[in-house]
PDB file of N, CA and C in Angstrom:
ATOM      1  N   UNK A   1      -3.314  15.234  -2.870  1.00  0.00           N
ATOM      2  CA  UNK A   1      -2.295  15.009  -2.780  1.00  0.00           C
ATOM      3  C   UNK A   1      -1.308  13.934  -2.649  1.00  0.00           C
ATOM      4  N   UNK A   2      -0.580  13.757  -2.700  1.00  0.00           N
ATOM      5  CA  UNK A   2       0.433  12.799  -2.690  1.00  0.00           C
ATOM      6  C   UNK A   2       0.567  11.958  -1.778  1.00  0.00           C
ATOM      7  N   UNK A   3       0.634  10.839  -1.277  1.00  0.00           N
ATOM      8  CA  UNK A   3       0.947   9.756  -0.068  1.00  0.00           C
ATOM      9  C   UNK A   3       1.940   9.246  -0.314  1.00  0.00           C
ATOM     10  N   UNK A   4       2.670   9.158   0.999  1.00  0.00           N
ATOM     11  CA  UNK A   4       3.732   7.814   0.579  1.00  0.00           C
ATOM     12  C   UNK A   4       4.147   7.046   1.860  1.00  0.00           C
ATOM     13  N   UNK A   5       4.187   5.869   1.988  1.00  0.00           N
ATOM     14  CA  UNK A   5       3.990   4.457   2.892  1.00  0.00           C
ATOM     15  C   UNK A   5       5.513   3.649   2.575  1.00  0.00           C
ATOM     16  N   UNK A   6       5.797   3.422   3.639  1.00  0.00           N
ATOM     17  CA  UNK A   6       6.835   2.500   3.624  1.00  0.00           C
ATOM     18  C   UNK A   6       6.394   1.188   3.485  1.00  0.00           C
ATOM     19  N   UNK A   7       5.655   0.757   3.967  1.00  0.00           N
ATOM     20  CA  UNK A   7       5.051  -0.802   4.155  1.00  0.00           C
ATOM     21  C   UNK A   7       3.931  -0.800   5.386  1.00  0.00           C
ATOM     22  N   UNK A   8       2.436  -1.371   5.239  1.00  0.00           N
ATOM     23  CA  UNK A   8       1.752  -1.686   5.773  1.00  0.00           C
ATOM     24  C   UNK A   8       1.257  -3.157   5.164  1.00  0.00           C
ATOM     25  N   UNK A   9       1.223  -3.985   6.571  1.00  0.00           N
ATOM     26  CA  UNK A   9       0.541  -5.119   6.797  1.00  0.00           C
ATOM     27  C   UNK A   9      -0.225  -5.779   7.660  1.00  0.00           C
ATOM     28  N   UNK A  10      -1.318  -5.402   6.964  1.00  0.00           N
ATOM     29  CA  UNK A  10      -2.759  -5.904   8.080  1.00  0.00           C
ATOM     30  C   UNK A  10      -3.132  -6.730   7.709  1.00  0.00           C
ATOM     31  N   UNK A  11      -3.727  -7.768   8.356  1.00  0.00           N
ATOM     32  CA  UNK A  11      -4.478  -9.015   8.589  1.00  0.00           C
ATOM     33  C   UNK A  11      -6.063  -8.651   8.575  1.00  0.00           C
ATOM     34  N   UNK A  12      -7.055  -8.719   7.428  1.00  0.00           N
ATOM     35  CA  UNK A  12      -8.266  -8.539   7.421  1.00  0.00           C
ATOM     36  C   UNK A  12      -8.800 -10.033   7.733  1.00  0.00           C
ATOM     37  N   UNK A  13     -10.139  -9.984   8.617  1.00  0.00           N
ATOM     38  CA  UNK A  13     -10.872 -11.164   7.751  1.00  0.00           C
ATOM     39  C   UNK A  13     -11.796 -10.587   7.084  1.00  0.00           C
ATOM     40  N   UNK A  14     -12.471 -11.503   6.164  1.00  0.00           N
ATOM     41  CA  UNK A  14     -12.989 -11.191   5.083  1.00  0.00           C
ATOM     42  C   UNK A  14     -14.298 -13.041   4.713  1.00  0.00           C
ATOM     43  N   UNK A  15     -15.244 -12.473   4.452  1.00  0.00           N
ATOM     44  CA  UNK A  15     -16.371 -13.438   4.139  1.00  0.00           C
ATOM     45  C   UNK A  15     -15.875 -14.076   2.958  1.00  0.00           C
ATOM     46  N   UNK A  16     -15.109 -13.775   1.652  1.00  0.00           N
ATOM     47  CA  UNK A  16     -14.947 -13.791   0.499  1.00  0.00           C
ATOM     48  C   UNK A  16     -13.421 -13.821   0.199  1.00  0.00           C
ATOM     49  N   UNK A  17     -12.784 -14.324   0.074  1.00  0.00           N
ATOM     50  CA  UNK A  17     -11.415 -14.426   0.227  1.00  0.00           C
ATOM     51  C   UNK A  17     -11.429 -14.250  -1.762  1.00  0.00           C
ATOM     52  N   UNK A  18     -11.791 -14.806  -2.254  1.00  0.00           N
ATOM     53  CA  UNK A  18     -11.465 -14.376  -3.440  1.00  0.00           C
ATOM     54  C   UNK A  18     -12.531 -12.956  -3.999  1.00  0.00           C
ATOM     55  N   UNK A  19     -13.633 -12.316  -3.703  1.00  0.00           N
ATOM     56  CA  UNK A  19     -14.172 -11.515  -3.980  1.00  0.00           C
ATOM     57  C   UNK A  19     -13.155 -10.343  -3.217  1.00  0.00           C
ATOM     58  N   UNK A  20     -12.724 -10.213  -2.111  1.00  0.00           N
ATOM     59  CA  UNK A  20     -11.780  -9.476  -1.627  1.00  0.00           C
ATOM     60  C   UNK A  20     -11.038  -9.121  -2.113  1.00  0.00           C
ATOM     61  N   UNK A  21      -9.760 -10.022  -2.419  1.00  0.00           N
ATOM     62  CA  UNK A  21      -8.889 -10.023  -3.785  1.00  0.00           C
ATOM     63  C   UNK A  21      -9.216  -9.077  -4.713  1.00  0.00           C
ATOM     64  N   UNK A  22     -10.370  -9.552  -5.648  1.00  0.00           N
ATOM     65  CA  UNK A  22     -11.117  -8.618  -6.474  1.00  0.00           C
ATOM     66  C   UNK A  22     -11.121  -7.265  -6.539  1.00  0.00           C
ATOM     67  N   UNK A  23     -11.818  -6.705  -5.394  1.00  0.00           N
ATOM     68  CA  UNK A  23     -12.307  -5.713  -4.692  1.00  0.00           C
ATOM     69  C   UNK A  23     -10.855  -4.835  -4.266  1.00  0.00           C
ATOM     70  N   UNK A  24      -9.983  -5.392  -3.855  1.00  0.00           N
ATOM     71  CA  UNK A  24      -8.586  -4.957  -3.150  1.00  0.00           C
ATOM     72  C   UNK A  24      -7.939  -4.831  -4.262  1.00  0.00           C
ATOM     73  N   UNK A  25      -7.741  -5.371  -5.296  1.00  0.00           N
ATOM     74  CA  UNK A  25      -7.298  -4.966  -6.811  1.00  0.00           C
ATOM     75  C   UNK A  25      -8.010  -4.130  -7.952  1.00  0.00           C
ATOM     76  N   UNK A  26      -9.184  -3.701  -7.564  1.00  0.00           N
ATOM     77  CA  UNK A  26      -9.713  -2.676  -8.150  1.00  0.00           C
ATOM     78  C   UNK A  26      -9.275  -1.072  -7.436  1.00  0.00           C
ATOM     79  N   UNK A  27      -8.623  -1.625  -5.703  1.00  0.00           N
ATOM     80  CA  UNK A  27      -8.405  -0.482  -5.479  1.00  0.00           C
ATOM     81  C   UNK A  27      -6.708  -0.297  -6.031  1.00  0.00           C
ATOM     82  N   UNK A  28      -6.111  -0.927  -6.558  1.00  0.00           N
ATOM     83  CA  UNK A  28      -5.355  -0.654  -7.414  1.00  0.00           C
ATOM     84  C   UNK A  28      -3.907  -1.542  -6.630  1.00  0.00           C
ATOM     85  N   UNK A  29      -4.207  -2.467  -5.617  1.00  0.00           N
ATOM     86  CA  UNK A  29      -3.087  -3.686  -5.687  1.00  0.00           C
ATOM     87  C   UNK A  29      -3.213  -4.632  -6.255  1.00  0.00           C
ATOM     88  N   UNK A  30      -1.920  -4.646  -6.054  1.00  0.00           N
ATOM     89  CA  UNK A  30      -1.967  -6.503  -6.672  1.00  0.00           C
ATOM     90  C   UNK A  30      -1.823  -7.296  -5.923  1.00  0.00           C
ATOM     91  N   UNK A  31      -2.751  -8.278  -6.334  1.00  0.00           N
ATOM     92  CA  UNK A  31      -3.032  -9.520  -5.886  1.00  0.00           C
ATOM     93  C   UNK A  31      -2.895 -10.859  -6.029  1.00  0.00           C
ATOM     94  N   UNK A  32      -2.541 -11.322  -4.968  1.00  0.00           N
ATOM     95  CA  UNK A  32      -1.711 -12.800  -5.350  1.00  0.00           C
ATOM     96  C   UNK A  32      -2.785 -13.861  -4.225  1.00  0.00           C
ATOM     97  N   UNK A  33      -3.345 -14.839  -4.563  1.00  0.00           N
ATOM     98  CA  UNK A  33      -3.693 -15.692  -3.511  1.00  0.00           C
ATOM     99  C   UNK A  33      -3.018 -16.736  -3.104  1.00  0.00           C
ATOM    100  N   UNK A  34      -3.021 -17.160  -1.764  1.00  0.00           N
ATOM    101  CA  UNK A  34      -2.419 -17.883  -1.518  1.00  0.00           C
ATOM    102  C   UNK A  34      -2.708 -19.265  -1.709  1.00  0.00           C
ATOM    103  N   UNK A  35      -1.389 -20.060  -2.225  1.00  0.00           N
ATOM    104  CA  UNK A  35      -2.024 -21.301  -2.859  1.00  0.00           C
ATOM    105  C   UNK A  35      -0.682 -22.637  -2.697  1.00  0.00           C
ATOM    106  N   UNK A  36      -1.925 -23.742  -1.836  1.00  0.00           N
ATOM    107  CA  UNK A  36      -1.188 -24.887  -1.999  1.00  0.00           C
ATOM    108  C   UNK A  36      -2.031 -26.258  -1.979  1.00  0.00           C
ATOM    109  N   UNK A  37      -1.060 -27.205  -2.432  1.00  0.00           N
ATOM    110  CA  UNK A  37      -2.298 -28.207  -3.140  1.00  0.00           C
ATOM    111  C   UNK A  37      -2.974 -28.717  -2.170  1.00  0.00           C
ATOM    112  N   UNK A  38      -4.081 -29.238  -2.382  1.00  0.00           N
ATOM    113  CA  UNK A  38      -5.099 -29.779  -0.804  1.00  0.00           C
ATOM    114  C   UNK A  38      -5.512 -28.855  -0.063  1.00  0.00           C
ATOM    115  N   UNK A  39      -4.960 -27.474  -0.395  1.00  0.00           N
ATOM    116  CA  UNK A  39      -5.759 -26.504   1.062  1.00  0.00           C
ATOM    117  C   UNK A  39      -6.143 -25.430   0.575  1.00  0.00           C
ATOM    118  N   UNK A  40      -5.652 -24.996  -0.845  1.00  0.00           N
ATOM    119  CA  UNK A  40      -6.550 -24.003  -1.565  1.00  0.00           C
ATOM    120  C   UNK A  40      -5.982 -23.532  -3.097  1.00  0.00           C
ATOM    121  N   UNK A  41      -6.974 -22.792  -3.911  1.00  0.00           N
ATOM    122  CA  UNK A  41      -6.392 -23.011  -4.978  1.00  0.00           C
ATOM    123  C   UNK A  41      -7.052 -21.333  -5.290  1.00  0.00           C
ATOM    124  N   UNK A  42      -7.061 -20.888  -6.502  1.00  0.00           N
ATOM    125  CA  UNK A  42      -7.322 -19.715  -7.577  1.00  0.00           C
ATOM    126  C   UNK A  42      -8.398 -19.333  -7.489  1.00  0.00           C
ATOM    127  N   UNK A  43      -9.508 -20.800  -7.313  1.00  0.00           N
ATOM    128  CA  UNK A  43     -11.030 -20.322  -7.736  1.00  0.00           C
ATOM    129  C   UNK A  43     -11.169 -20.056  -5.962  1.00  0.00           C
ATOM    130  N   UNK A  44     -10.854 -20.938  -5.154  1.00  0.00           N
ATOM    131  CA  UNK A  44     -11.181 -20.856  -3.798  1.00  0.00           C
ATOM    132  C   UNK A  44     -10.091 -20.926  -3.030  1.00  0.00           C
ATOM    133  N   UNK A  45      -9.229 -19.162  -2.962  1.00  0.00           N
ATOM    134  CA  UNK A  45      -8.247 -19.349  -2.036  1.00  0.00           C
ATOM    135  C   UNK A  45      -8.573 -19.236  -0.524  1.00  0.00           C
ATOM    136  N   UNK A  46      -7.673 -19.206   0.621  1.00  0.00           N
ATOM    137  CA  UNK A  46      -8.159 -19.300   1.971  1.00  0.00           C
ATOM    138  C   UNK A  46      -7.545 -17.636   2.514  1.00  0.00           C
ATOM    139  N   UNK A  47      -6.614 -17.509   1.933  1.00  0.00           N
ATOM    140  CA  UNK A  47      -5.481 -16.510   2.224  1.00  0.00           C
ATOM    141  C   UNK A  47      -5.457 -15.666   1.079  1.00  0.00           C
ATOM    142  N   UNK A  48      -4.872 -14.107   1.076  1.00  0.00           N
ATOM    143  CA  UNK A  48      -4.523 -13.510   0.094  1.00  0.00           C
ATOM    144  C   UNK A  48      -3.537 -12.593   0.117  1.00  0.00           C
ATOM    145  N   UNK A  49      -2.580 -12.213  -0.205  1.00  0.00           N
ATOM    146  CA  UNK A  49      -1.458 -11.003  -0.483  1.00  0.00           C
ATOM    147  C   UNK A  49      -1.816  -9.918  -1.310  1.00  0.00           C
ATOM    148  N   UNK A  50      -1.757  -8.585  -0.865  1.00  0.00           N
ATOM    149  CA  UNK A  50      -1.392  -7.771  -1.526  1.00  0.00           C
ATOM    150  C   UNK A  50       0.035  -6.684  -1.630  1.00  0.00           C
ATOM    151  N   UNK A  51      -0.010  -6.069  -2.815  1.00  0.00           N
ATOM    152  CA  UNK A  51       1.150  -4.828  -2.806  1.00  0.00           C
ATOM    153  C   UNK A  51       0.305  -3.786  -3.010  1.00  0.00           C
ATOM    154  N   UNK A  52       1.318  -2.993  -3.238  1.00  0.00           N
ATOM    155  CA  UNK A  52       0.493  -1.518  -3.143  1.00  0.00           C
ATOM    156  C   UNK A  52       0.288  -0.836  -4.869  1.00  0.00           C
ATOM    157  N   UNK A  53      -0.843  -0.247  -5.143  1.00  0.00           N
ATOM    158  CA  UNK A  53      -0.457   0.501  -6.406  1.00  0.00           C
ATOM    159  C   UNK A  53      -1.538   2.067  -6.571  1.00  0.00           C
ATOM    160  N   UNK A  54      -1.775   2.102  -7.531  1.00  0.00           N
ATOM    161  CA  UNK A  54      -2.722   3.296  -7.513  1.00  0.00           C
ATOM    162  C   UNK A  54      -3.907   2.967  -6.824  1.00  0.00           C
ATOM    163  N   UNK A  55      -4.905   3.479  -6.402  1.00  0.00           N
ATOM    164  CA  UNK A  55      -6.423   3.935  -5.639  1.00  0.00           C
ATOM    165  C   UNK A  55      -7.426   4.263  -6.480  1.00  0.00           C
ATOM    166  N   UNK A  56      -8.549   3.471  -6.249  1.00  0.00           N
ATOM    167  CA  UNK A  56      -9.750   4.035  -7.284  1.00  0.00           C
ATOM    168  C   UNK A  56     -10.957   2.799  -6.420  1.00  0.00           C
ATOM    169  N   UNK A  57     -11.831   2.990  -6.209  1.00  0.00           N
ATOM    170  CA  UNK A  57     -12.819   1.951  -6.250  1.00  0.00           C
ATOM    171  C   UNK A  57     -14.121   2.234  -4.927  1.00  0.00           C
ATOM    172  N   UNK A  58     -15.310   1.836  -5.204  1.00  0.00           N
ATOM    173  CA  UNK A  58     -16.059   1.704  -4.066  1.00  0.00           C
ATOM    174  C   UNK A  58     -15.825   1.703  -2.446  1.00  0.00           C
ATOM    175  N   UNK A  59     -16.264   2.034  -1.825  1.00  0.00           N
ATOM    176  CA  UNK A  59     -16.119   1.963  -0.219  1.00  0.00           C
ATOM    177  C   UNK A  59     -16.037   3.294   0.183  1.00  0.00           C
ATOM    178  N   UNK A  60     -15.671   3.661   1.226  1.00  0.00           N
ATOM    179  CA  UNK A  60     -15.986   4.496   2.059  1.00  0.00           C
ATOM    180  C   UNK A  60     -14.719   5.564   2.241  1.00  0.00           C
ATOM    181  N   UNK A  61     -14.373   6.336   1.743  1.00  0.00           N
ATOM    182  CA  UNK A  61     -13.128   6.842   1.824  1.00  0.00           C
ATOM    183  C   UNK A  61     -13.126   8.571   2.817  1.00  0.00           C
ATOM    184  N   UNK A  62     -12.226   8.759   3.505  1.00  0.00           N
ATOM    185  CA  UNK A  62     -11.875  10.111   4.070  1.00  0.00           C
ATOM    186  C   UNK A  62     -10.963  11.224   3.350  1.00  0.00           C
ATOM    187  N   UNK A  63     -11.083  12.062   3.296  1.00  0.00           N
ATOM    188  CA  UNK A  63      -9.956  13.344   2.669  1.00  0.00           C
ATOM    189  C   UNK A  63      -8.548  12.702   3.726  1.00  0.00           C
ATOM    190  N   UNK A  64      -7.332  12.569   3.243  1.00  0.00           N
ATOM    191  CA  UNK A  64      -6.555  13.086   4.064  1.00  0.00           C
ATOM    192  C   UNK A  64      -6.581  14.180   5.108  1.00  0.00           C
ATOM    193  N   UNK A  65      -6.136  14.178   6.186  1.00  0.00           N
ATOM    194  CA  UNK A  65      -6.156  14.934   7.254  1.00  0.00           C
ATOM    195  C   UNK A  65      -4.851  14.983   8.023  1.00  0.00           C
ATOM    196  N   UNK A  66      -4.456  16.009   8.733  1.00  0.00           N
ATOM    197  CA  UNK A  66      -3.484  16.440   9.566  1.00  0.00           C
ATOM    198  C   UNK A  66      -4.276  15.548  11.110  1.00  0.00           C
ATOM    199  N   UNK A  67      -3.183  14.976  11.854  1.00  0.00           N
ATOM    200  CA  UNK A  67      -3.810  13.931  13.140  1.00  0.00           C
ATOM    201  C   UNK A  67      -2.906  14.996  14.065  1.00  0.00           C
ATOM    202  N   UNK A  68      -3.430  14.953  15.668  1.00  0.00           N
ATOM    203  CA  UNK A  68      -2.823  15.574  16.261  1.00  0.00           C
ATOM    204  C   UNK A  68      -1.480  14.572  17.185  1.00  0.00           C
ATOM    205  N   UNK A  69      -1.114  14.031  16.446  1.00  0.00           N
ATOM    206  CA  UNK A  69       0.336  12.914  16.522  1.00  0.00           C
ATOM    207  C   UNK A  69       1.004  13.309  15.967  1.00  0.00           C
ATOM    208  N   UNK A  70       1.345  14.572  14.838  1.00  0.00           N
ATOM    209  CA  UNK A  70       2.364  14.646  13.658  1.00  0.00           C
ATOM    210  C   UNK A  70       2.261  14.054  12.412  1.00  0.00           C
ATOM    211  N   UNK A  71       1.151  13.403  12.477  1.00  0.00           N
ATOM    212  CA  UNK A  71       0.735  12.508  11.229  1.00  0.00           C
ATOM    213  C   UNK A  71      -0.293  13.273  10.445  1.00  0.00           C
ATOM    214  N   UNK A  72      -0.323  12.421   8.898  1.00  0.00           N
ATOM    215  CA  UNK A  72      -1.106  12.795   8.032  1.00  0.00           C
ATOM    216  C   UNK A  72      -1.922  11.637   7.795  1.00  0.00           C
ATOM    217  N   UNK A  73      -3.533  11.497   7.612  1.00  0.00           N
ATOM    218  CA  UNK A  73      -3.779   9.970   7.475  1.00  0.00           C
ATOM    219  C   UNK A  73      -5.114  10.257   6.657  1.00  0.00           C
ATOM    220  N   UNK A  74      -5.641   8.974   6.031  1.00  0.00           N
ATOM    221  CA  UNK A  74      -6.750   9.026   5.648  1.00  0.00           C
ATOM    222  C   UNK A  74      -7.567   7.815   5.942  1.00  0.00           C
ATOM    223  N   UNK A  75      -8.272   7.169   5.600  1.00  0.00           N
ATOM    224  CA  UNK A  75      -9.424   5.637   6.036  1.00  0.00           C
ATOM    225  C   UNK A  75     -10.267   5.013   4.815  1.00  0.00           C
ATOM    226  N   UNK A  76     -10.246   3.908   5.171  1.00  0.00           N
ATOM    227  CA  UNK A  76     -10.985   3.344   3.680  1.00  0.00           C
ATOM    228  C   UNK A  76     -11.774   2.220   4.329  1.00  0.00           C
ATOM    229  N   UNK A  77     -12.972   2.329   4.358  1.00  0.00           N
ATOM    230  CA  UNK A  77     -14.193   1.222   5.126  1.00  0.00           C
ATOM    231  C   UNK A  77     -14.318   0.081   3.947  1.00  0.00           C
ATOM    232  N   UNK A  78     -14.082  -0.822   3.969  1.00  0.00           N
ATOM    233  CA  UNK A  78     -14.166  -1.705   2.835  1.00  0.00           C
ATOM    234  C   UNK A  78     -15.908  -2.664   3.230  1.00  0.00           C
ATOM    235  N   UNK A  79     -16.526  -3.397   2.174  1.00  0.00           N
ATOM    236  CA  UNK A  79     -17.717  -3.814   2.365  1.00  0.00           C
ATOM    237  C   UNK A  79     -17.643  -5.123   3.560  1.00  0.00           C
ATOM    238  N   UNK A  80     -17.071  -5.507   3.995  1.00  0.00           N
ATOM    239  CA  UNK A  80     -16.688  -6.249   4.746  1.00  0.00           C
ATOM    240  C   UNK A  80     -16.663  -5.867   6.283  1.00  0.00           C
ATOM    241  N   UNK A  81     -16.823  -4.173   6.190  1.00  0.00           N
ATOM    242  CA  UNK A  81     -16.582  -3.896   7.400  1.00  0.00           C
ATOM    243  C   UNK A  81     -15.311  -3.631   8.432  1.00  0.00           C
ATOM    244  N   UNK A  82     -14.189  -3.781   7.381  1.00  0.00           N
ATOM    245  CA  UNK A  82     -13.019  -3.270   8.043  1.00  0.00           C
ATOM    246  C   UNK A  82     -12.297  -2.021   7.522  1.00  0.00           C
ATOM    247  N   UNK A  83     -12.119  -1.403   8.324  1.00  0.00           N
ATOM    248  CA  UNK A  83     -11.070  -0.082   8.416  1.00  0.00           C
ATOM    249  C   UNK A  83      -9.633  -0.057   8.254  1.00  0.00           C
ATOM    250  N   UNK A  84      -9.331   0.627   7.086  1.00  0.00           N
ATOM    251  CA  UNK A  84      -8.121   1.156   7.444  1.00  0.00           C
ATOM    252  C   UNK A  84      -7.404   2.380   7.540  1.00  0.00           C
ATOM    253  N   UNK A  85      -6.590   2.184   8.604  1.00  0.00           N
ATOM    254  CA  UNK A  85      -6.212   3.746   8.541  1.00  0.00           C
ATOM    255  C   UNK A  85      -4.807   3.576   7.973  1.00  0.00           C
ATOM    256  N   UNK A  86      -5.253   4.461   6.963  1.00  0.00           N
ATOM    257  CA  UNK A  86      -3.444   4.701   6.419  1.00  0.00           C
ATOM    258  C   UNK A  86      -2.901   6.151   6.354  1.00  0.00           C
ATOM    259  N   UNK A  87      -1.407   5.797   7.188  1.00  0.00           N
ATOM    260  CA  UNK A  87      -0.741   7.636   7.694  1.00  0.00           C
ATOM    261  C   UNK A  87       0.590   7.404   7.569  1.00  0.00           C
ATOM    262  N   UNK A  88       0.858   8.846   7.295  1.00  0.00           N
ATOM    263  CA  UNK A  88       2.407   8.754   7.810  1.00  0.00           C
ATOM    264  C   UNK A  88       2.960  10.195   8.312  1.00  0.00           C
ATOM    265  N   UNK A  89       4.171  10.445   8.715  1.00  0.00           N
ATOM    266  CA  UNK A  89       4.755  11.586   9.197  1.00  0.00           C
ATOM    267  C   UNK A  89       4.363  12.544   8.581  1.00  0.00           C
ATOM    268  N   UNK A  90       4.367  13.536   8.952  1.00  0.00           N
ATOM    269  CA  UNK A  90       4.541  14.945   8.381  1.00  0.00           C
ATOM    270  C   UNK A  90       5.503  15.113   8.465  1.00  0.00           C
ATOM    271  N   UNK A  91       6.317  16.048   7.461  1.00  0.00           N
ATOM    272  CA  UNK A  91       7.396  16.500   7.497  1.00  0.00           C
ATOM    273  C   UNK A  91       7.702  18.103   8.087  1.00  0.00           C
ATOM    274  N   UNK A  92       8.690  17.997   8.797  1.00  0.00           N
ATOM    275  CA  UNK A  92       8.770  19.199   9.871  1.00  0.00           C
ATOM    276  C   UNK A  92       9.778  19.966   9.340  1.00  0.00           C
TER     277      UNK A  92
END
């Protein structure tokens, strides 16, 4: 079933920023490391940015389900233990 969302801006703690950017890239996100001279580099990013694309990667997904509060959502748990709940309102 197609899923649409206007904007999501989670801040996630990870053990390995570069590895997380690679993993979320496999999920279909466009990834971009935060680069600032003397603070971070493409090889050693301290922060990263994601924008949405198509989905498909290892991790734990749930099927989209209707919620009791008028929405539809699915969940994804990444290897760092972060749980993303992605949802949208049901059309009425």
